[in-house]
Amino acid sequence: MAWIVAEAVMRQRCGPSPTAFPAWERATLAGRKLQGVEREVVLSFAEPVFKPQEKATAEEHHGVPGYVGEWLWYLLALEQPDLPDRVREYLAEPSLTVTDSGGDGLVIHRVGGAVASALMFRLWEMKKYTGGRDQISGTIKGAWDQLASSGTRYLAAQMGWAYKHVAGDVGAFVSMLPDLWANGDSRGGAGVSVATNSSATPQRRAFSRSHERIPRLKHAGQLQGLIIAVDDFAGFAAQVQETVWTAL
């Protein structure tokens, strides 16, 4: 599982470079260190997020668990199959940094089938939580409050990126996202995803009072919540980091 995440992350981070990802993948699978120019190039893509903490200064905290949590949500979203009346038109890739001031995830679906199709979006905020079960509700509330106070700004930031990748009616829809959100339009929605330890997974309800935190979204189905539980989430994030760094 750590390899799946590390491979997907590095493939995205290396982008269109014709050499970086193949060099990293070959060296990682062989368990050897890159040298010279190859290492310099691959390091430039990996280091901004995955530089090990023992090699980083106190000011260079890169938030690896939170970044891994975003990628778990994204990879799960990629696996969701299209349905006859629900087709994914756009899914934003995770940011290349851990400090961007914007929503963590954006997905646009075409719903209703061919006869009465319409576009809908959902803005997601992703969090990590590694404490005890009783306190995870505070993390969830904080995420909803963040979306409530900053959702319009997050969508304005997402709009500039998404508009480069879509056209036609989806492109026109993207240009409307901040307005739809600000007006609480039924074509918009919000989601909160929390990556955590299995031991912190709520035993009963985790999102039952979410509507109280973001009242502008009052239509049925506008709010979604997701808990992604790994036995030792912090340890898993560290394993992803170690996998990325194998060749470096």
C-alpha atoms as a PDB file:
ATOM      1  CA  MET A   1       0.000   0.000   0.000  1.00  0.00           C
ATOM      2  CA  ALA A   2       2.854   2.396   0.804  1.00  0.00           C
ATOM      3  CA  TRP A   3       4.413   1.592  -2.558  1.00  0.00           C
ATOM      4  CA  ILE A   4       1.143   2.347  -4.391  1.00  0.00           C
ATOM      5  CA  VAL A   5       0.944   5.769  -2.748  1.00  0.00           C
ATOM      6  CA  ALA A   6       4.652   6.557  -3.175  1.00  0.00           C
ATOM      7  CA  GLU A   7       4.621   5.566  -6.849  1.00  0.00           C
ATOM      8  CA  ALA A   8       1.524   7.646  -7.607  1.00  0.00           C
ATOM      9  CA  VAL A   9       2.923  10.654  -5.749  1.00  0.00           C
ATOM     10  CA  MET A  10       6.284  10.559  -7.491  1.00  0.00           C
ATOM     11  CA  ARG A  11       4.727  10.035 -10.914  1.00  0.00           C
ATOM     12  CA  GLN A  12       2.725  13.227 -10.405  1.00  0.00           C
ATOM     13  CA  ARG A  13       5.529  15.205  -8.813  1.00  0.00           C
ATOM     14  CA  CYS A  14       7.991  14.398 -11.593  1.00  0.00           C
ATOM     15  CA  GLY A  15       5.427  15.627 -14.130  1.00  0.00           C
ATOM     16  CA  PRO A  16       6.530  15.775 -17.762  1.00  0.00           C
ATOM     17  CA  SER A  17      10.220  15.157 -17.004  1.00  0.00           C
ATOM     18  CA  PRO A  18      11.256  12.298 -19.309  1.00  0.00           C
ATOM     19  CA  THR A  19      13.944  11.033 -16.920  1.00  0.00           C
ATOM     20  CA  ALA A  20      13.009  11.747 -13.309  1.00  0.00           C
ATOM     21  CA  PHE A  21      10.252   9.228 -12.607  1.00  0.00           C
ATOM     22  CA  PRO A  22      11.817   6.327 -14.563  1.00  0.00           C
ATOM     23  CA  ALA A  23      15.124   6.895 -12.767  1.00  0.00           C
ATOM     24  CA  TRP A  24      13.430   7.004  -9.359  1.00  0.00           C
ATOM     25  CA  GLU A  25      11.311   3.914 -10.065  1.00  0.00           C
ATOM     26  CA  ARG A  26      14.225   1.801 -11.338  1.00  0.00           C
ATOM     27  CA  ALA A  27      16.467   2.720  -8.427  1.00  0.00           C
ATOM     28  CA  THR A  28      13.741   2.249  -5.819  1.00  0.00           C
ATOM     29  CA  LEU A  29      12.749  -1.180  -7.090  1.00  0.00           C
ATOM     30  CA  ALA A  30      16.421  -2.192  -7.201  1.00  0.00           C
ATOM     31  CA  GLY A  31      17.067  -0.800  -3.724  1.00  0.00           C
ATOM     32  CA  ARG A  32      19.987   1.328  -4.883  1.00  0.00           C
ATOM     33  CA  LYS A  33      20.884   4.989  -4.478  1.00  0.00           C
ATOM     34  CA  LEU A  34      20.837   7.416  -7.372  1.00  0.00           C
ATOM     35  CA  GLN A  35      24.044   9.289  -8.050  1.00  0.00           C
ATOM     36  CA  GLY A  36      25.184  12.483  -9.739  1.00  0.00           C
ATOM     37  CA  VAL A  37      22.817  14.299 -12.087  1.00  0.00           C
ATOM     38  CA  GLU A  38      20.058  11.688 -11.759  1.00  0.00           C
ATOM     39  CA  ARG A  39      19.959  12.137  -8.002  1.00  0.00           C
ATOM     40  CA  GLU A  40      20.028  15.932  -8.290  1.00  0.00           C
ATOM     41  CA  VAL A  41      17.051  15.949 -10.651  1.00  0.00           C
ATOM     42  CA  VAL A  42      14.921  13.443  -8.711  1.00  0.00           C
ATOM     43  CA  LEU A  43      15.780  15.135  -5.419  1.00  0.00           C
ATOM     44  CA  SER A  44      14.367  18.420  -6.710  1.00  0.00           C
ATOM     45  CA  PHE A  45      10.947  16.782  -7.052  1.00  0.00           C
ATOM     46  CA  ALA A  46      10.970  14.710  -3.856  1.00  0.00           C
ATOM     47  CA  GLU A  47      12.627  17.019  -1.344  1.00  0.00           C
ATOM     48  CA  PRO A  48       9.982  19.778  -0.950  1.00  0.00           C
ATOM     49  CA  VAL A  49       7.625  17.338   0.790  1.00  0.00           C
ATOM     50  CA  PHE A  50       9.523  14.162   1.638  1.00  0.00           C
ATOM     51  CA  LYS A  51      12.872  15.338   2.988  1.00  0.00           C
ATOM     52  CA  PRO A  52      13.335  13.241   6.163  1.00  0.00           C
ATOM     53  CA  GLN A  53      12.909  15.248   9.321  1.00  0.00           C
ATOM     54  CA  GLU A  54      16.290  14.265  10.738  1.00  0.00           C
ATOM     55  CA  LYS A  55      17.817  15.934   7.691  1.00  0.00           C
ATOM     56  CA  ALA A  56      15.560  18.969   7.818  1.00  0.00           C
ATOM     57  CA  THR A  57      15.815  22.106   9.908  1.00  0.00           C
ATOM     58  CA  ALA A  58      13.178  22.943  12.497  1.00  0.00           C
ATOM     59  CA  GLU A  59      11.628  25.420  10.041  1.00  0.00           C
ATOM     60  CA  GLU A  60      11.268  22.753   7.328  1.00  0.00           C
ATOM     61  CA  HIS A  61       8.334  20.776   8.663  1.00  0.00           C
ATOM     62  CA  HIS A  62       6.665  19.412   5.569  1.00  0.00           C
ATOM     63  CA  GLY A  63       3.532  17.771   6.958  1.00  0.00           C
ATOM     64  CA  VAL A  64       4.028  14.339   5.405  1.00  0.00           C
ATOM     65  CA  PRO A  65       1.039  12.684   7.195  1.00  0.00           C
ATOM     66  CA  GLY A  66      -1.354  15.370   5.964  1.00  0.00           C
ATOM     67  CA  TYR A  67       0.012  15.098   2.435  1.00  0.00           C
ATOM     68  CA  VAL A  68      -0.319  11.311   2.470  1.00  0.00           C
ATOM     69  CA  GLY A  69      -3.888  11.695   3.728  1.00  0.00           C
ATOM     70  CA  GLU A  70      -4.705  13.872   0.719  1.00  0.00           C
ATOM     71  CA  TRP A  71      -3.290  11.241  -1.598  1.00  0.00           C
ATOM     72  CA  LEU A  72      -5.261   8.437   0.042  1.00  0.00           C
ATOM     73  CA  TRP A  73      -8.461  10.401  -0.583  1.00  0.00           C
ATOM     74  CA  TYR A  74      -7.446  11.131  -4.183  1.00  0.00           C
ATOM     75  CA  LEU A  75      -6.566   7.513  -5.006  1.00  0.00           C
ATOM     76  CA  LEU A  76      -9.819   6.301  -3.465  1.00  0.00           C
ATOM     77  CA  ALA A  77     -11.725   8.885  -5.518  1.00  0.00           C
ATOM     78  CA  LEU A  78      -9.972   7.651  -8.671  1.00  0.00           C
ATOM     79  CA  GLU A  79     -11.180   4.120  -7.940  1.00  0.00           C
ATOM     80  CA  GLN A  80     -14.834   5.112  -7.721  1.00  0.00           C
ATOM     81  CA  PRO A  81     -16.521   3.765 -10.869  1.00  0.00           C
ATOM     82  CA  ASP A  82     -18.796   5.868 -13.022  1.00  0.00           C
ATOM     83  CA  LEU A  83     -22.482   4.995 -12.932  1.00  0.00           C
ATOM     84  CA  PRO A  84     -25.060   5.396 -15.718  1.00  0.00           C
ATOM     85  CA  ASP A  85     -26.444   8.492 -14.022  1.00  0.00           C
ATOM     86  CA  ARG A  86     -23.203   9.753 -12.443  1.00  0.00           C
ATOM     87  CA  VAL A  87     -20.030  10.334 -14.466  1.00  0.00           C
ATOM     88  CA  ARG A  88     -16.918  12.038 -13.162  1.00  0.00           C
ATOM     89  CA  GLU A  89     -15.874  14.932 -15.378  1.00  0.00           C
ATOM     90  CA  TYR A  90     -13.029  16.394 -13.309  1.00  0.00           C
ATOM     91  CA  LEU A  91     -10.939  15.410 -10.302  1.00  0.00           C
ATOM     92  CA  ALA A  92      -8.289  17.816  -9.061  1.00  0.00           C
ATOM     93  CA  GLU A  93      -4.879  16.299  -8.385  1.00  0.00           C
ATOM     94  CA  PRO A  94      -3.347  16.975  -4.962  1.00  0.00           C
ATOM     95  CA  SER A  95      -1.138  20.029  -4.737  1.00  0.00           C
ATOM     96  CA  LEU A  96       2.600  19.755  -5.243  1.00  0.00           C
ATOM     97  CA  THR A  97       3.138  21.466  -1.885  1.00  0.00           C
ATOM     98  CA  VAL A  98       1.724  21.139   1.611  1.00  0.00           C
ATOM     99  CA  THR A  99       1.219  24.861   2.148  1.00  0.00           C
ATOM    100  CA  ASP A 100      -1.155  25.906  -0.646  1.00  0.00           C
ATOM    101  CA  SER A 101      -3.985  28.127   0.560  1.00  0.00           C
ATOM    102  CA  GLY A 102      -6.845  26.352  -1.130  1.00  0.00           C
ATOM    103  CA  GLY A 103      -9.278  23.488  -0.777  1.00  0.00           C
ATOM    104  CA  ASP A 104      -7.627  20.090  -0.805  1.00  0.00           C
ATOM    105  CA  GLY A 105      -9.939  18.378  -3.283  1.00  0.00           C
ATOM    106  CA  LEU A 106     -12.428  19.207  -6.007  1.00  0.00           C
ATOM    107  CA  VAL A 107     -14.559  16.794  -7.993  1.00  0.00           C
ATOM    108  CA  ILE A 108     -17.155  17.550 -10.684  1.00  0.00           C
ATOM    109  CA  HIS A 109     -19.757  14.998 -11.755  1.00  0.00           C
ATOM    110  CA  ARG A 110     -22.314  14.919 -14.530  1.00  0.00           C
ATOM    111  CA  VAL A 111     -25.489  13.493 -13.048  1.00  0.00           C
ATOM    112  CA  GLY A 112     -28.925  12.502 -14.307  1.00  0.00           C
ATOM    113  CA  GLY A 113     -27.989  10.554 -17.422  1.00  0.00           C
ATOM    114  CA  ALA A 114     -28.158  11.631 -21.051  1.00  0.00           C
ATOM    115  CA  VAL A 115     -31.733  12.917 -20.971  1.00  0.00           C
ATOM    116  CA  ALA A 116     -31.544  15.342 -18.045  1.00  0.00           C
ATOM    117  CA  SER A 117     -27.840  15.709 -17.328  1.00  0.00           C
ATOM    118  CA  ALA A 118     -26.540  18.401 -14.991  1.00  0.00           C
ATOM    119  CA  LEU A 119     -23.169  19.222 -13.470  1.00  0.00           C
ATOM    120  CA  MET A 120     -22.456  19.174  -9.747  1.00  0.00           C
ATOM    121  CA  PHE A 121     -19.295  19.820  -7.740  1.00  0.00           C
ATOM    122  CA  ARG A 122     -17.984  19.013  -4.285  1.00  0.00           C
ATOM    123  CA  LEU A 123     -15.186  20.851  -2.494  1.00  0.00           C
ATOM    124  CA  TRP A 124     -13.249  18.667  -0.054  1.00  0.00           C
ATOM    125  CA  GLU A 125     -11.095  19.471   2.939  1.00  0.00           C
ATOM    126  CA  MET A 126      -8.693  16.770   4.118  1.00  0.00           C
ATOM    127  CA  LYS A 127      -7.316  16.418   7.632  1.00  0.00           C
ATOM    128  CA  LYS A 128      -5.138  13.989   9.558  1.00  0.00           C
ATOM    129  CA  TYR A 129      -5.754  12.906  13.125  1.00  0.00           C
ATOM    130  CA  THR A 130      -3.506  10.708  15.257  1.00  0.00           C
ATOM    131  CA  GLY A 131      -4.986  11.222  18.735  1.00  0.00           C
ATOM    132  CA  GLY A 132      -7.632   9.348  20.696  1.00  0.00           C
ATOM    133  CA  ARG A 133     -11.107   8.456  19.514  1.00  0.00           C
ATOM    134  CA  ASP A 134     -12.946  10.942  21.717  1.00  0.00           C
ATOM    135  CA  GLN A 135     -11.282  13.993  20.191  1.00  0.00           C
ATOM    136  CA  ILE A 136     -11.592  13.317  16.455  1.00  0.00           C
ATOM    137  CA  SER A 137     -14.841  15.311  16.416  1.00  0.00           C
ATOM    138  CA  GLY A 138     -12.805  18.476  16.975  1.00  0.00           C
ATOM    139  CA  THR A 139     -10.802  17.806  13.822  1.00  0.00           C
ATOM    140  CA  ILE A 140     -13.997  17.247  11.856  1.00  0.00           C
ATOM    141  CA  LYS A 141     -15.594  20.426  13.188  1.00  0.00           C
ATOM    142  CA  GLY A 142     -12.462  22.408  12.379  1.00  0.00           C
ATOM    143  CA  ALA A 143     -12.511  21.176   8.800  1.00  0.00           C
ATOM    144  CA  TRP A 144     -16.157  22.181   8.328  1.00  0.00           C
ATOM    145  CA  ASP A 145     -15.468  25.586   9.864  1.00  0.00           C
ATOM    146  CA  GLN A 146     -12.541  26.041   7.483  1.00  0.00           C
ATOM    147  CA  LEU A 147     -14.749  25.299   4.494  1.00  0.00           C
ATOM    148  CA  ALA A 148     -17.499  27.563   5.856  1.00  0.00           C
ATOM    149  CA  SER A 149     -15.168  30.537   6.252  1.00  0.00           C
ATOM    150  CA  SER A 150     -12.866  30.046   3.254  1.00  0.00           C
ATOM    151  CA  GLY A 151     -14.768  27.924   0.712  1.00  0.00           C
ATOM    152  CA  THR A 152     -15.389  30.779  -1.729  1.00  0.00           C
ATOM    153  CA  ARG A 153     -11.700  31.681  -1.710  1.00  0.00           C
ATOM    154  CA  TYR A 154     -10.670  28.044  -2.084  1.00  0.00           C
ATOM    155  CA  LEU A 155     -12.897  27.651  -5.130  1.00  0.00           C
ATOM    156  CA  ALA A 156     -11.575  30.841  -6.695  1.00  0.00           C
ATOM    157  CA  ALA A 157      -8.077  29.369  -6.388  1.00  0.00           C
ATOM    158  CA  GLN A 158      -9.196  25.993  -7.756  1.00  0.00           C
ATOM    159  CA  MET A 159     -11.041  27.663 -10.617  1.00  0.00           C
ATOM    160  CA  GLY A 160      -7.872  29.066 -12.167  1.00  0.00           C
ATOM    161  CA  TRP A 161      -6.275  25.617 -12.228  1.00  0.00           C
ATOM    162  CA  ALA A 162      -9.326  23.611 -13.294  1.00  0.00           C
ATOM    163  CA  TYR A 163     -10.167  26.020 -16.117  1.00  0.00           C
ATOM    164  CA  LYS A 164      -6.910  25.035 -17.855  1.00  0.00           C
ATOM    165  CA  HIS A 165      -7.963  21.382 -18.031  1.00  0.00           C
ATOM    166  CA  VAL A 166     -11.611  21.463 -19.039  1.00  0.00           C
ATOM    167  CA  ALA A 167     -13.637  23.019 -21.832  1.00  0.00           C
ATOM    168  CA  GLY A 168     -17.194  23.218 -23.096  1.00  0.00           C
ATOM    169  CA  ASP A 169     -19.992  23.152 -20.559  1.00  0.00           C
ATOM    170  CA  VAL A 170     -17.648  21.844 -17.855  1.00  0.00           C
ATOM    171  CA  GLY A 171     -15.373  24.843 -18.385  1.00  0.00           C
ATOM    172  CA  ALA A 172     -18.339  27.189 -18.166  1.00  0.00           C
ATOM    173  CA  PHE A 173     -19.456  25.415 -14.985  1.00  0.00           C
ATOM    174  CA  VAL A 174     -15.997  25.803 -13.432  1.00  0.00           C
ATOM    175  CA  SER A 175     -16.172  29.563 -13.950  1.00  0.00           C
ATOM    176  CA  MET A 176     -19.343  29.624 -11.822  1.00  0.00           C
ATOM    177  CA  LEU A 177     -18.030  27.689  -8.811  1.00  0.00           C
ATOM    178  CA  PRO A 178     -17.407  30.593  -6.389  1.00  0.00           C
ATOM    179  CA  ASP A 179     -20.844  32.064  -7.127  1.00  0.00           C
ATOM    180  CA  LEU A 180     -22.606  28.719  -6.732  1.00  0.00           C
ATOM    181  CA  TRP A 181     -20.877  28.138  -3.406  1.00  0.00           C
ATOM    182  CA  ALA A 182     -21.531  31.616  -2.034  1.00  0.00           C
ATOM    183  CA  ASN A 183     -25.217  31.246  -2.861  1.00  0.00           C
ATOM    184  CA  GLY A 184     -25.521  27.761  -1.374  1.00  0.00           C
ATOM    185  CA  ASP A 185     -26.685  26.457  -4.752  1.00  0.00           C
ATOM    186  CA  SER A 186     -27.863  22.845  -4.829  1.00  0.00           C
ATOM    187  CA  ARG A 187     -25.310  22.132  -7.572  1.00  0.00           C
ATOM    188  CA  GLY A 188     -22.497  22.532  -5.038  1.00  0.00           C
ATOM    189  CA  GLY A 189     -21.444  20.500  -2.049  1.00  0.00           C
ATOM    190  CA  ALA A 190     -18.735  19.993   0.534  1.00  0.00           C
ATOM    191  CA  GLY A 191     -16.886  17.054   1.996  1.00  0.00           C
ATOM    192  CA  VAL A 192     -14.507  16.383   4.865  1.00  0.00           C
ATOM    193  CA  SER A 193     -12.082  13.475   4.856  1.00  0.00           C
ATOM    194  CA  VAL A 194     -10.006  12.514   7.898  1.00  0.00           C
ATOM    195  CA  ALA A 195      -7.088  10.070   7.698  1.00  0.00           C
ATOM    196  CA  THR A 196      -6.478   8.506  11.085  1.00  0.00           C
ATOM    197  CA  ASN A 197      -5.500   5.433  13.069  1.00  0.00           C
ATOM    198  CA  SER A 198      -7.924   2.518  13.205  1.00  0.00           C
ATOM    199  CA  SER A 199      -8.066   2.937  16.985  1.00  0.00           C
ATOM    200  CA  ALA A 200      -9.423   6.482  16.566  1.00  0.00           C
ATOM    201  CA  THR A 201     -12.252   5.493  14.228  1.00  0.00           C
ATOM    202  CA  PRO A 202     -15.591   6.674  15.673  1.00  0.00           C
ATOM    203  CA  GLN A 203     -17.724   3.767  16.837  1.00  0.00           C
ATOM    204  CA  ARG A 204     -21.040   5.495  16.157  1.00  0.00           C
ATOM    205  CA  ARG A 205     -21.458   8.833  14.376  1.00  0.00           C
ATOM    206  CA  ALA A 206     -18.789  11.187  13.095  1.00  0.00           C
ATOM    207  CA  PHE A 207     -20.621  13.613  10.800  1.00  0.00           C
ATOM    208  CA  SER A 208     -24.170  13.751  12.157  1.00  0.00           C
ATOM    209  CA  ARG A 209     -23.919  17.441  13.142  1.00  0.00           C
ATOM    210  CA  SER A 210     -21.945  18.665  10.134  1.00  0.00           C
ATOM    211  CA  HIS A 211     -24.894  20.703   8.873  1.00  0.00           C
ATOM    212  CA  GLU A 212     -24.556  22.939  11.917  1.00  0.00           C
ATOM    213  CA  ARG A 213     -21.048  23.983  10.884  1.00  0.00           C
ATOM    214  CA  ILE A 214     -21.831  24.991   7.307  1.00  0.00           C
ATOM    215  CA  PRO A 215     -25.481  26.119   7.202  1.00  0.00           C
ATOM    216  CA  ARG A 216     -25.354  27.648   3.718  1.00  0.00           C
ATOM    217  CA  LEU A 217     -25.390  24.127   2.265  1.00  0.00           C
ATOM    218  CA  LYS A 218     -28.846  23.042   3.338  1.00  0.00           C
ATOM    219  CA  HIS A 219     -29.963  20.857   0.417  1.00  0.00           C
ATOM    220  CA  ALA A 220     -30.102  17.083   0.763  1.00  0.00           C
ATOM    221  CA  GLY A 221     -26.883  15.344  -0.230  1.00  0.00           C
ATOM    222  CA  GLN A 222     -24.706  18.463  -0.157  1.00  0.00           C
ATOM    223  CA  LEU A 223     -22.485  17.228   2.684  1.00  0.00           C
ATOM    224  CA  GLN A 224     -20.343  14.094   2.742  1.00  0.00           C
ATOM    225  CA  GLY A 225     -17.854  12.740   5.248  1.00  0.00           C
ATOM    226  CA  LEU A 226     -15.162  10.097   4.982  1.00  0.00           C
ATOM    227  CA  ILE A 227     -12.931   8.426   7.559  1.00  0.00           C
ATOM    228  CA  ILE A 228      -9.824   6.712   6.125  1.00  0.00           C
ATOM    229  CA  ALA A 229      -8.435   4.435   8.821  1.00  0.00           C
ATOM    230  CA  VAL A 230      -5.024   2.749   8.791  1.00  0.00           C
ATOM    231  CA  ASP A 231      -3.804   0.652  11.726  1.00  0.00           C
ATOM    232  CA  ASP A 232      -0.935   3.069  12.382  1.00  0.00           C
ATOM    233  CA  PHE A 233      -1.504   6.068  10.157  1.00  0.00           C
ATOM    234  CA  ALA A 234       1.545   8.058  11.264  1.00  0.00           C
ATOM    235  CA  GLY A 235       3.688   4.960  10.764  1.00  0.00           C
ATOM    236  CA  PHE A 236       2.157   4.398   7.350  1.00  0.00           C
ATOM    237  CA  ALA A 237       2.914   7.980   6.304  1.00  0.00           C
ATOM    238  CA  ALA A 238       6.506   7.485   7.476  1.00  0.00           C
ATOM    239  CA  GLN A 239       6.685   4.311   5.382  1.00  0.00           C
ATOM    240  CA  VAL A 240       5.565   6.244   2.292  1.00  0.00           C
ATOM    241  CA  GLN A 241       8.246   8.821   3.026  1.00  0.00           C
ATOM    242  CA  GLU A 242      10.897   6.111   3.434  1.00  0.00           C
ATOM    243  CA  THR A 243       9.809   4.512   0.163  1.00  0.00           C
ATOM    244  CA  VAL A 244      10.136   7.797  -1.704  1.00  0.00           C
ATOM    245  CA  TRP A 245      13.577   8.311  -0.157  1.00  0.00           C
ATOM    246  CA  THR A 246      14.884   4.796  -0.872  1.00  0.00           C
ATOM    247  CA  ALA A 247      16.752   5.947  -3.971  1.00  0.00           C
ATOM    248  CA  LEU A 248      17.945   9.223  -2.452  1.00  0.00           C
END
